[in-house]
Amino acid sequence: MAVVSAEKFVQAARENGYAVGGFNTNNMEWTQAILRAAEAKKAPILVQTSMGAAKYMGGYMVARNLIANLVESMKISVPVAIHLDHGHYEDAKECIAVGYTSVMYDGSHLPVEQNLKEAREIVELAHSKGVSVEAEVGSIGGEEDGIVGEGELAPIEDAVAMVETGIDFLAAGIGNIHGPYPENWKGLNLDHLKKLTDAVPGFPIVLHGGSGIPDDQIQDAIKLGVAKVNVNTEAQLAFCAATRKFVDEFNANEAEYMKKKLFDPRKFLAPGVQAIQDAVEERIEVFGSTNKA
């Protein structure tokens, strides 16, 4: 399966009561782990770069080509969209130009009318090139590439207006946050989600901050219209935990591990990379997108 835009498989998820995963990548190994997980589970996915991750990887062109080349060289058979996560206006335009197949324009920090105006412009440009578009109203809690939100509830009228711009899927705040969830987090506001999906019937909703939300709440949200769930922190924490464990083992068995040349980064990073794959496969199961490719 070639790299594709995301609107068809996200809409299919919405119509059939499951969600696809949007998994953020940070480098080559991360991308390989995500792709192996998707192939193992026969699940359509979005491989996503934040603005900061793309900069770290060498820029949008490098990130796009890395993902696309790995899809080809690894003979990935499931649909894969290359997606910009939380992109500013100019970043969304650049990603469309260099060949991303899906973009999120995030103007949620702007006045509503400016957010809508710029979303319409991104939709026109993206759709002319066959690129799917996600946009956001009602900021998501936490911080993502300098955009800070407190987990507010998206105004229903703003959500309706954003859908009318022609976007393909909508991110809307329902009490979710980016990063680890604090102990005093009150949970998703599923009543507000129901009002939202009633106002835009059949339209795919995106749940950001998917890492750390209890599985039953994610699955309840999917039943109410969430068709895409973003995952980043969960994979990062899995990678960190596995790598720290390996370092502890290395320190405890240094002579043996040095003799085996386990300092080789391909071997040193292997437990962490496997942990990313395991985390992605487990999320795919929870989202219900196994065997939906």
Protein backbone atom coordinates (compact mmCIF):
# COMPACT_ATOMS: atom_id res chain seq x y z
CA MET A 1 0.00 0.00 0.00
CA ALA A 2 1.44 3.35 -1.01
CA VAL A 3 1.45 6.32 1.34
CA VAL A 4 -2.06 7.83 1.19
CA SER A 5 -4.09 10.72 2.54
CA ALA A 6 -6.08 9.95 5.66
CA GLU A 7 -9.63 11.11 5.04
CA LYS A 8 -10.98 7.82 3.66
CA PHE A 9 -9.67 5.53 6.37
CA VAL A 10 -10.52 7.99 9.17
CA GLN A 11 -14.05 8.30 7.81
CA ALA A 12 -14.28 4.50 7.57
CA ALA A 13 -13.31 4.30 11.24
CA ARG A 14 -16.04 6.81 12.13
CA GLU A 15 -18.67 4.88 10.19
CA ASN A 16 -17.70 1.49 11.60
CA GLY A 17 -17.18 2.28 15.27
CA TYR A 18 -13.43 2.10 15.76
CA ALA A 19 -10.54 4.58 15.76
CA VAL A 20 -7.22 4.76 13.96
CA GLY A 21 -4.05 5.75 15.74
CA GLY A 22 -2.04 8.86 15.02
CA PHE A 23 1.42 7.92 16.29
CA ASN A 24 4.09 10.59 16.63
CA THR A 25 7.61 9.75 15.52
CA ASN A 26 10.95 11.24 16.51
CA ASN A 27 13.56 9.47 14.39
CA MET A 28 14.22 6.52 12.08
CA GLU A 29 14.00 3.82 14.75
CA TRP A 30 10.77 5.29 16.09
CA THR A 31 9.26 5.27 12.61
CA GLN A 32 10.32 1.68 11.99
CA ALA A 33 8.73 0.57 15.27
CA ILE A 34 5.44 2.29 14.43
CA LEU A 35 5.36 0.80 10.93
CA ARG A 36 6.19 -2.70 12.17
CA ALA A 37 3.37 -2.46 14.69
CA ALA A 38 0.86 -1.34 12.07
CA GLU A 39 1.92 -4.10 9.71
CA ALA A 40 1.72 -6.72 12.46
CA LYS A 41 -1.79 -5.60 13.39
CA LYS A 42 -2.91 -4.93 9.79
CA ALA A 43 -4.10 -1.50 10.88
CA PRO A 44 -4.23 1.78 8.97
CA ILE A 45 -2.25 4.50 10.75
CA LEU A 46 -1.02 8.06 10.60
CA VAL A 47 2.69 8.55 11.25
CA GLN A 48 2.90 12.05 12.67
CA THR A 49 5.59 14.65 13.19
CA SER A 50 5.15 17.62 15.45
CA MET A 51 6.81 20.83 14.36
CA GLY A 52 9.56 20.27 16.93
CA ALA A 53 10.14 16.63 16.00
CA ALA A 54 10.41 17.50 12.31
CA LYS A 55 12.99 20.17 13.13
CA TYR A 56 14.91 17.63 15.23
CA MET A 57 14.81 15.14 12.34
CA GLY A 58 16.27 17.68 9.90
CA GLY A 59 13.18 19.42 8.55
CA TYR A 60 9.87 18.52 6.95
CA MET A 61 11.38 17.26 3.70
CA VAL A 62 13.71 14.90 5.55
CA ALA A 63 10.90 13.64 7.80
CA ARG A 64 8.52 13.11 4.88
CA ASN A 65 11.11 11.26 2.80
CA LEU A 66 12.24 9.12 5.73
CA ILE A 67 8.71 7.92 6.43
CA ALA A 68 7.84 7.38 2.78
CA ASN A 69 11.10 5.55 2.04
CA LEU A 70 10.65 3.25 5.04
CA VAL A 71 7.10 2.41 3.97
CA GLU A 72 8.53 1.33 0.63
CA SER A 73 11.69 -0.43 1.82
CA MET A 74 9.88 -2.27 4.64
CA LYS A 75 7.17 -3.34 2.16
CA ILE A 76 4.41 -2.00 4.39
CA SER A 77 1.04 -3.16 3.05
CA VAL A 78 -1.32 -1.14 5.26
CA PRO A 79 -2.48 2.44 4.52
CA VAL A 80 -0.09 5.00 6.00
CA ALA A 81 -0.66 8.75 6.06
CA ILE A 82 2.23 11.14 6.73
CA HIS A 83 0.68 13.73 9.01
CA LEU A 84 1.72 17.07 10.50
CA ASP A 85 0.59 17.31 14.13
CA HIS A 86 -0.29 20.75 15.58
CA GLY A 87 1.09 22.76 12.71
CA HIS A 88 1.05 26.52 12.44
CA TYR A 89 -0.27 28.09 9.22
CA GLU A 90 3.09 28.39 7.43
CA ASP A 91 4.19 24.95 8.61
CA ALA A 92 1.03 23.36 7.23
CA LYS A 93 1.67 25.04 3.88
CA GLU A 94 5.27 23.82 3.85
CA CYS A 95 4.24 20.25 4.65
CA ILE A 96 1.71 20.27 1.82
CA ALA A 97 4.44 21.54 -0.52
CA VAL A 98 7.00 18.86 0.43
CA GLY A 99 4.59 15.93 0.17
CA TYR A 100 2.94 15.22 3.50
CA THR A 101 -0.36 13.49 2.77
CA SER A 102 -2.22 14.92 5.76
CA VAL A 103 -1.83 18.05 7.88
CA MET A 104 -3.23 19.43 11.07
CA TYR A 105 -3.58 23.17 10.96
CA ASP A 106 -3.79 24.30 14.59
CA GLY A 107 -5.07 27.84 14.98
CA SER A 108 -6.86 27.12 18.25
CA HIS A 109 -4.73 29.73 20.04
CA LEU A 110 -5.94 32.43 17.65
CA PRO A 111 -9.19 34.43 17.61
CA VAL A 112 -11.95 32.18 16.26
CA GLU A 113 -12.51 34.10 13.03
CA GLN A 114 -8.80 34.04 12.19
CA ASN A 115 -8.66 30.31 12.98
CA LEU A 116 -11.59 29.68 10.62
CA LYS A 117 -10.19 31.94 7.88
CA GLU A 118 -6.79 30.26 7.88
CA ALA A 119 -8.36 26.80 8.08
CA ARG A 120 -10.37 27.54 4.92
CA GLU A 121 -7.19 28.61 3.14
CA ILE A 122 -5.33 25.46 4.22
CA VAL A 123 -8.28 23.28 3.15
CA GLU A 124 -8.35 24.85 -0.31
CA LEU A 125 -4.62 24.38 -0.80
CA ALA A 126 -4.48 20.88 0.69
CA HIS A 127 -7.49 19.47 -1.11
CA SER A 128 -6.15 20.74 -4.44
CA LYS A 129 -3.23 18.37 -3.87
CA GLY A 130 -5.19 15.46 -2.39
CA VAL A 131 -4.04 16.14 1.18
CA SER A 132 -6.39 15.61 4.13
CA VAL A 133 -6.85 18.30 6.78
CA GLU A 134 -7.42 18.25 10.53
CA ALA A 135 -8.09 21.43 12.50
CA GLU A 136 -8.80 22.29 16.12
CA VAL A 137 -11.21 24.31 18.21
CA GLY A 138 -11.11 24.51 22.00
CA SER A 139 -7.48 24.08 22.99
CA ILE A 140 -6.21 20.75 24.30
CA GLY A 141 -4.70 20.87 27.80
CA GLY A 142 -0.96 20.84 28.32
CA GLU A 143 1.73 22.13 25.95
CA GLU A 144 2.60 21.14 22.39
CA ASP A 145 5.31 23.03 20.50
CA GLY A 146 4.60 26.26 22.34
CA ILE A 147 0.81 26.03 22.08
CA VAL A 148 -0.55 25.84 25.62
CA GLY A 149 -4.09 24.85 26.55
CA GLU A 150 -5.88 24.19 29.82
CA GLY A 151 -8.17 21.43 28.64
CA GLU A 152 -11.18 23.58 27.94
CA LEU A 153 -14.37 22.30 26.34
CA ALA A 154 -14.68 23.22 22.68
CA PRO A 155 -17.62 25.57 22.02
CA ILE A 156 -20.15 23.66 19.95
CA GLU A 157 -20.84 26.59 17.62
CA ASP A 158 -17.11 26.92 16.89
CA ALA A 159 -16.88 23.21 16.12
CA VAL A 160 -19.78 23.44 13.66
CA ALA A 161 -18.20 26.46 11.98
CA MET A 162 -14.87 24.66 11.67
CA VAL A 163 -16.48 21.60 10.09
CA GLU A 164 -18.13 23.94 7.58
CA THR A 165 -14.68 25.08 6.39
CA GLY A 166 -14.35 21.71 4.64
CA ILE A 167 -11.84 20.00 6.93
CA ASP A 168 -11.76 16.20 7.01
CA PHE A 169 -11.56 15.57 10.77
CA LEU A 170 -11.86 17.77 13.85
CA ALA A 171 -9.83 18.00 17.04
CA ALA A 172 -11.94 19.44 19.84
CA GLY A 173 -11.26 19.87 23.52
CA ILE A 174 -13.31 17.57 25.76
CA GLY A 175 -11.17 17.82 28.89
CA ASN A 176 -8.16 15.99 27.42
CA ILE A 177 -4.55 17.14 27.86
CA HIS A 178 -1.14 16.52 26.33
CA GLY A 179 1.47 14.67 28.34
CA PRO A 180 1.07 12.60 31.52
CA TYR A 181 -2.30 13.02 33.22
CA PRO A 182 -2.21 14.38 36.81
CA GLU A 183 -3.84 12.47 39.63
CA ASN A 184 -6.57 15.10 39.99
CA TRP A 185 -7.61 14.92 36.31
CA LYS A 186 -11.40 14.71 36.14
CA GLY A 187 -11.59 12.50 33.05
CA LEU A 188 -13.07 13.05 29.60
CA ASN A 189 -16.29 15.03 29.44
CA LEU A 190 -18.28 12.48 27.47
CA ASP A 191 -21.49 14.48 27.81
CA HIS A 192 -19.85 17.33 25.96
CA LEU A 193 -18.54 14.92 23.33
CA LYS A 194 -22.12 13.67 22.80
CA LYS A 195 -23.32 17.25 22.25
CA LEU A 196 -20.47 17.79 19.84
CA THR A 197 -21.12 14.70 17.73
CA ASP A 198 -24.86 15.41 17.72
CA ALA A 199 -24.05 18.83 16.25
CA VAL A 200 -21.83 17.37 13.49
CA PRO A 201 -23.41 13.94 12.87
CA GLY A 202 -21.16 11.37 11.26
CA PHE A 203 -18.12 13.66 11.31
CA PRO A 204 -14.82 12.17 12.57
CA ILE A 205 -13.57 13.60 15.87
CA VAL A 206 -9.92 13.42 16.93
CA LEU A 207 -8.92 12.73 20.52
CA HIS A 208 -5.59 14.35 21.34
CA GLY A 209 -3.63 13.49 24.46
CA GLY A 210 -4.55 9.83 24.09
CA SER A 211 -1.65 8.66 26.28
CA GLY A 212 -2.83 7.98 29.81
CA ILE A 213 -6.58 8.14 29.30
CA PRO A 214 -8.16 4.99 30.79
CA ASP A 215 -8.99 2.47 28.08
CA ASP A 216 -12.68 2.37 28.97
CA GLN A 217 -12.95 6.15 28.51
CA ILE A 218 -11.19 5.96 25.14
CA GLN A 219 -13.54 3.21 24.00
CA ASP A 220 -16.58 5.14 25.24
CA ALA A 221 -15.34 8.16 23.29
CA ILE A 222 -14.95 6.02 20.17
CA LYS A 223 -18.56 4.88 20.52
CA LEU A 224 -19.55 8.55 20.59
CA GLY A 225 -17.71 9.51 17.40
CA VAL A 226 -13.97 9.68 18.01
CA ALA A 227 -12.29 8.16 14.94
CA LYS A 228 -8.64 9.10 15.47
CA VAL A 229 -6.63 8.95 18.69
CA ASN A 230 -3.21 10.58 19.01
CA VAL A 231 -0.42 8.82 20.89
CA ASN A 232 3.00 10.24 21.73
CA THR A 233 3.83 10.29 25.45
CA GLU A 234 2.91 6.63 25.92
CA ALA A 235 5.52 5.48 23.42
CA GLN A 236 8.10 7.89 24.83
CA LEU A 237 7.59 6.56 28.35
CA ALA A 238 7.81 2.95 27.12
CA PHE A 239 11.05 3.72 25.29
CA CYS A 240 12.48 5.48 28.35
CA ALA A 241 11.57 2.69 30.76
CA ALA A 242 13.03 -0.06 28.56
CA THR A 243 16.20 1.90 27.86
CA ARG A 244 16.75 2.67 31.55
CA LYS A 245 16.29 -1.01 32.39
CA PHE A 246 18.88 -1.96 29.78
CA VAL A 247 21.32 0.65 31.12
CA ASP A 248 20.93 -0.78 34.62
CA GLU A 249 21.61 -4.27 33.26
CA PHE A 250 24.61 -2.97 31.31
CA ASN A 251 26.09 -1.34 34.40
CA ALA A 252 25.59 -4.53 36.42
CA ASN A 253 27.24 -6.69 33.75
CA GLU A 254 29.62 -4.23 32.14
CA ALA A 255 32.47 -6.62 31.25
CA GLU A 256 30.12 -9.14 29.65
CA TYR A 257 28.10 -6.51 27.80
CA MET A 258 31.24 -4.77 26.53
CA LYS A 259 32.55 -8.09 25.25
CA LYS A 260 29.26 -8.62 23.39
CA LYS A 261 29.57 -5.06 21.99
CA LEU A 262 26.16 -4.12 23.32
CA PHE A 263 27.33 -0.51 23.26
CA ASP A 264 26.60 -0.63 19.52
CA PRO A 265 23.62 1.75 19.18
CA ARG A 266 21.75 -0.79 17.09
CA LYS A 267 21.89 -3.15 20.07
CA PHE A 268 21.81 -0.52 22.81
CA LEU A 269 18.56 1.02 21.52
CA ALA A 270 16.90 -2.27 20.58
CA PRO A 271 14.97 -2.82 23.86
CA GLY A 272 13.58 0.70 23.75
CA VAL A 273 12.58 0.42 20.10
CA GLN A 274 10.84 -2.89 20.77
CA ALA A 275 8.99 -1.21 23.65
CA ILE A 276 7.69 1.43 21.24
CA GLN A 277 6.39 -1.26 18.90
CA ASP A 278 4.74 -3.11 21.77
CA ALA A 279 3.07 0.07 22.99
CA VAL A 280 1.77 0.92 19.52
CA GLU A 281 0.41 -2.59 18.96
CA GLU A 282 -1.36 -2.46 22.32
CA ARG A 283 -2.95 0.91 21.49
CA ILE A 284 -4.13 -0.39 18.11
CA GLU A 285 -5.91 -3.21 19.92
CA VAL A 286 -7.60 -0.78 22.30
CA PHE A 287 -8.70 1.48 19.43
CA GLY A 288 -10.25 -1.48 17.60
CA SER A 289 -8.39 -0.95 14.31
CA THR A 290 -6.69 -4.36 14.14
CA ASN A 291 -7.35 -6.01 10.76
CA LYS A 292 -9.06 -2.86 9.45
CA ALA A 293 -6.47 -2.17 6.73
